[in-house]
Protein backbone atom coordinates (compact mmCIF):
# COMPACT_ATOMS: atom_id res chain seq x y z
CA UNK A 1 16.42 8.32 7.76
CA UNK A 2 17.69 4.79 7.63
CA UNK A 3 20.97 4.20 5.82
CA UNK A 4 22.07 1.10 4.02
CA UNK A 5 23.44 -0.55 7.11
CA UNK A 6 20.20 0.23 9.07
CA UNK A 7 21.70 3.31 11.08
CA UNK A 8 19.43 6.36 11.35
CA UNK A 9 20.67 9.68 10.07
CA UNK A 10 18.92 13.13 9.92
CA UNK A 11 21.00 14.58 7.15
CA UNK A 12 18.58 15.79 4.44
CA UNK A 13 15.82 13.78 5.90
CA UNK A 14 13.10 16.28 5.35
CA UNK A 15 10.98 17.04 2.33
CA UNK A 16 8.74 19.90 1.31
CA UNK A 17 7.25 21.75 4.25
CA UNK A 18 9.82 20.23 6.64
CA UNK A 19 8.34 16.71 6.55
CA UNK A 20 10.61 13.91 7.40
CA UNK A 21 10.89 11.36 4.37
CA UNK A 22 11.03 7.65 5.12
CA UNK A 23 13.59 5.62 3.26
CA UNK A 24 10.98 4.48 0.88
CA UNK A 25 9.60 7.98 0.29
CA UNK A 26 13.09 9.21 -0.36
CA UNK A 27 13.84 6.26 -2.74
CA UNK A 28 10.66 7.11 -4.75
CA UNK A 29 11.70 10.76 -4.88
CA UNK A 30 15.05 9.92 -6.22
CA UNK A 31 13.43 7.64 -8.83
CA UNK A 32 11.25 10.49 -9.97
CA UNK A 33 14.05 12.86 -10.15
CA UNK A 34 16.34 10.57 -12.00
CA UNK A 35 13.53 9.59 -14.44
CA UNK A 36 12.84 13.20 -15.14
CA UNK A 37 16.58 14.08 -15.77
CA UNK A 38 17.24 10.96 -17.78
CA UNK A 39 14.28 11.67 -20.05
CA UNK A 40 15.13 15.38 -20.49
CA UNK A 41 18.89 15.13 -20.96
CA UNK A 42 19.64 11.43 -21.69
CA UNK A 43 21.33 8.97 -19.63
CA UNK A 44 24.96 9.72 -20.65
CA UNK A 45 24.61 13.40 -19.93
CA UNK A 46 22.98 12.87 -16.40
CA UNK A 47 25.23 12.45 -13.54
CA UNK A 48 24.62 11.26 -9.96
CA UNK A 49 25.66 14.89 -8.84
CA UNK A 50 22.80 16.20 -11.09
CA UNK A 51 20.37 13.76 -9.49
CA UNK A 52 21.45 14.70 -5.82
CA UNK A 53 21.19 18.46 -6.70
CA UNK A 54 17.75 18.22 -8.25
CA UNK A 55 16.53 16.14 -5.37
CA UNK A 56 18.03 18.47 -2.79
CA UNK A 57 20.30 15.90 -1.12
CA UNK A 58 23.88 15.07 -0.97
CA UNK A 59 25.49 12.64 -3.45
CA UNK A 60 26.40 10.17 -0.59
CA UNK A 61 22.77 9.93 0.32
CA UNK A 62 22.05 9.06 -3.25
CA UNK A 63 24.57 6.23 -3.15
CA UNK A 64 22.97 4.98 0.08
CA UNK A 65 19.95 4.00 -2.09
CA UNK A 66 21.56 3.12 -5.35
CA UNK A 67 25.15 1.84 -5.86
CA UNK A 68 25.60 3.41 -9.18
CA UNK A 69 23.88 5.47 -11.90
CA UNK A 70 23.76 2.25 -13.90
CA UNK A 71 22.00 0.40 -11.18
CA UNK A 72 19.47 3.22 -10.73
CA UNK A 73 18.77 3.07 -14.58
CA UNK A 74 18.31 -0.73 -14.64
CA UNK A 75 15.98 -0.63 -11.64
CA UNK A 76 13.95 2.09 -13.46
CA UNK A 77 13.61 -0.11 -16.40
CA UNK A 78 12.38 -3.06 -14.25
CA UNK A 79 9.90 -0.84 -12.34
CA UNK A 80 8.51 0.58 -15.60
CA UNK A 81 8.20 -2.86 -17.26
CA UNK A 82 6.42 -4.18 -14.37
CA UNK A 83 3.84 -1.26 -14.25
CA UNK A 84 3.18 -1.57 -17.95
CA UNK A 85 2.60 -5.28 -18.00
CA UNK A 86 0.37 -5.08 -14.90
CA UNK A 87 -1.72 -2.45 -16.62
CA UNK A 88 -2.13 -4.30 -19.82
CA UNK A 89 -3.04 -7.56 -18.01
CA UNK A 90 -5.54 -5.82 -15.70
CA UNK A 91 -7.15 -3.87 -18.50
CA UNK A 92 -7.64 -6.88 -20.86
CA UNK A 93 -8.89 -9.23 -18.07
CA UNK A 94 -12.42 -7.94 -18.30
CA UNK A 95 -12.71 -7.86 -22.13
CA UNK A 96 -15.86 -9.18 -23.67
CA UNK A 97 -14.07 -10.71 -26.74
CA UNK A 98 -10.68 -10.73 -28.60
CA UNK A 99 -11.47 -7.51 -30.39
CA UNK A 100 -11.95 -5.63 -27.29
CA UNK A 101 -8.97 -7.16 -25.70
CA UNK A 102 -6.80 -5.72 -28.42
CA UNK A 103 -8.20 -2.29 -27.94
CA UNK A 104 -8.00 -2.34 -24.17
CA UNK A 105 -4.57 -3.51 -24.34
CA UNK A 106 -3.47 -0.66 -26.59
CA UNK A 107 -5.43 1.73 -24.43
CA UNK A 108 -3.60 0.64 -21.36
CA UNK A 109 -0.35 1.09 -23.06
CA UNK A 110 -1.05 4.64 -24.40
CA UNK A 111 -2.71 5.74 -21.18
CA UNK A 112 0.43 4.95 -19.33
CA UNK A 113 2.32 6.80 -21.91
CA UNK A 114 0.59 10.04 -21.34
CA UNK A 115 0.47 9.38 -17.63
CA UNK A 116 4.16 8.87 -17.41
CA UNK A 117 5.63 10.53 -20.53
CA UNK A 118 9.26 10.72 -19.03
CA UNK A 119 9.42 6.90 -18.75
CA UNK A 120 8.38 6.57 -22.40
CA UNK A 121 10.95 9.15 -23.51
CA UNK A 122 13.59 7.21 -21.49
CA UNK A 123 12.57 4.08 -23.34
CA UNK A 124 12.12 5.32 -26.78
CA UNK A 125 13.91 8.71 -26.70
CA UNK A 126 16.62 9.95 -28.95
CA UNK A 127 19.23 9.63 -26.29
CA UNK A 128 19.01 6.04 -25.40
CA UNK A 129 22.18 4.81 -23.88
CA UNK A 130 24.71 3.16 -26.36
CA UNK A 131 25.61 0.35 -23.91
CA UNK A 132 25.11 -3.49 -24.23
CA UNK A 133 23.77 -4.05 -20.81
CA UNK A 134 21.49 -1.05 -20.86
CA UNK A 135 20.36 -1.87 -24.24
CA UNK A 136 19.49 -5.37 -23.04
CA UNK A 137 17.38 -3.72 -20.27
CA UNK A 138 15.39 -1.99 -22.98
CA UNK A 139 14.85 -5.23 -24.91
CA UNK A 140 13.67 -6.94 -21.67
CA UNK A 141 10.90 -4.32 -21.43
CA UNK A 142 9.77 -5.03 -24.94
CA UNK A 143 10.02 -8.85 -24.24
CA UNK A 144 7.89 -8.54 -21.25
CA UNK A 145 5.16 -6.58 -23.03
CA UNK A 146 5.21 -9.20 -25.77
CA UNK A 147 4.92 -12.13 -23.17
CA UNK A 148 1.78 -10.17 -21.85
CA UNK A 149 0.21 -9.94 -25.21
CA UNK A 150 1.07 -13.56 -26.28
CA UNK A 151 -1.96 -15.18 -24.42
CA UNK A 152 -4.31 -12.69 -26.08
CA UNK A 153 -3.51 -14.07 -29.56
CA UNK A 154 -5.68 -17.12 -29.51
CA UNK A 155 -5.87 -18.50 -33.05
CA UNK A 156 -4.63 -22.06 -32.55
CA UNK A 157 -1.06 -21.08 -33.50
CA UNK A 158 2.19 -22.68 -32.61
CA UNK A 159 3.82 -20.91 -29.49
CA UNK A 160 6.72 -19.48 -31.67
CA UNK A 161 4.22 -18.13 -34.31
CA UNK A 162 2.05 -16.54 -31.62
CA UNK A 163 4.99 -14.86 -29.80
CA UNK A 164 6.33 -13.60 -33.16
CA UNK A 165 2.95 -11.94 -33.76
CA UNK A 166 3.03 -10.50 -30.20
CA UNK A 167 6.38 -8.83 -30.90
CA UNK A 168 4.93 -7.48 -34.05
CA UNK A 169 2.16 -5.88 -32.11
CA UNK A 170 4.68 -4.43 -29.58
CA UNK A 171 6.48 -2.98 -32.66
CA UNK A 172 3.37 -1.24 -33.79
CA UNK A 173 2.84 0.24 -30.37
CA UNK A 174 6.48 1.33 -30.17
CA UNK A 175 6.42 2.97 -33.56
CA UNK A 176 3.17 4.91 -32.69
CA UNK A 177 4.78 6.00 -29.31
CA UNK A 178 7.89 7.27 -30.98
CA UNK A 179 5.75 9.23 -33.36
CA UNK A 180 3.54 10.67 -30.65
CA UNK A 181 6.52 11.64 -28.50
CA UNK A 182 8.20 13.43 -31.45
CA UNK A 183 5.10 15.14 -32.39
CA UNK A 184 4.14 16.24 -28.92
CA UNK A 185 7.60 17.76 -28.38
CA UNK A 186 7.08 19.91 -31.66
CA UNK A 187 3.52 20.79 -30.51
CA UNK A 188 4.79 22.00 -27.18
CA UNK A 189 7.47 23.95 -28.63
CA UNK A 190 5.11 25.66 -30.96
CA UNK A 191 2.41 25.70 -28.34
CA UNK A 192 -0.11 24.97 -31.10
CA UNK A 193 -2.12 22.53 -29.15
CA UNK A 194 -1.61 23.58 -25.46
CA UNK A 195 -5.33 23.03 -24.61
CA UNK A 196 -5.58 19.55 -25.88
CA UNK A 197 -5.89 16.60 -23.32
CA UNK A 198 -3.21 14.01 -24.07
CA UNK A 199 -5.69 11.39 -22.93
CA UNK A 200 -7.78 12.15 -26.07
CA UNK A 201 -4.55 11.23 -28.10
CA UNK A 202 -4.25 7.97 -26.15
CA UNK A 203 -7.82 7.10 -26.74
CA UNK A 204 -7.63 7.83 -30.48
CA UNK A 205 -4.39 5.97 -30.92
CA UNK A 206 -5.77 2.86 -29.17
CA UNK A 207 -8.76 2.74 -31.47
CA UNK A 208 -6.80 3.36 -34.65
CA UNK A 209 -4.17 0.78 -33.89
CA UNK A 210 -6.72 -1.71 -32.60
CA UNK A 211 -8.60 -1.60 -35.84
CA UNK A 212 -5.28 -2.07 -37.78
CA UNK A 213 -4.04 -4.86 -35.65
CA UNK A 214 -7.36 -6.66 -35.54
CA UNK A 215 -7.78 -6.48 -39.31
CA UNK A 216 -4.61 -8.56 -39.47
CA UNK A 217 -5.05 -10.81 -36.57
CA UNK A 218 -8.45 -12.04 -37.45
CA UNK A 219 -7.02 -13.29 -40.80
CA UNK A 220 -4.18 -15.23 -39.04
CA UNK A 221 -4.12 -18.87 -39.35
CA UNK A 222 -1.85 -21.84 -38.56
CA UNK A 223 0.97 -22.44 -41.10
């Protein structure tokens, strides 16, 4: 395994089945472990010791990849933001019209939510860190999504008006996400819907919110 200064070490360099992990693979593993712990227990309650233990490595090895828990959290937010925006842009690129763009954008958003539930719990969960810098990282994610949605609102509006509406659409998706995450937690605890595919939820929410958003957006005019 390659350390921060380029030296090679064999400590904890193997994964499941005795396979050696490259530095990139180890970093991805630590990302996944940290995301899971942050989402389950909250940022404040999770320590670098917890991350190292869950990953089956030593804490010094974790620090070879991330200088601090804060740096790890901030990078997680950046990676998640990039993935979400990429999905939305890719999904809407092939739309046949503005109404379909709206639905495909919501679909990409909610599909990622069910594919990567821990990331959304980290973003919108009850244990979001009470810290100015980390809070700013969360807002940057929302800003990035709004910037991706902004070009889809083509109604001859002033840029500030269009961006305001983009943030309003993000707020709709965020509210629906919080509701779904809370409801899903309750459903899992009661095991009342264990056989239901979460992707069905994603598709339904995309259609329902697209109907609601489009009903408003098509009435928007320049003020």
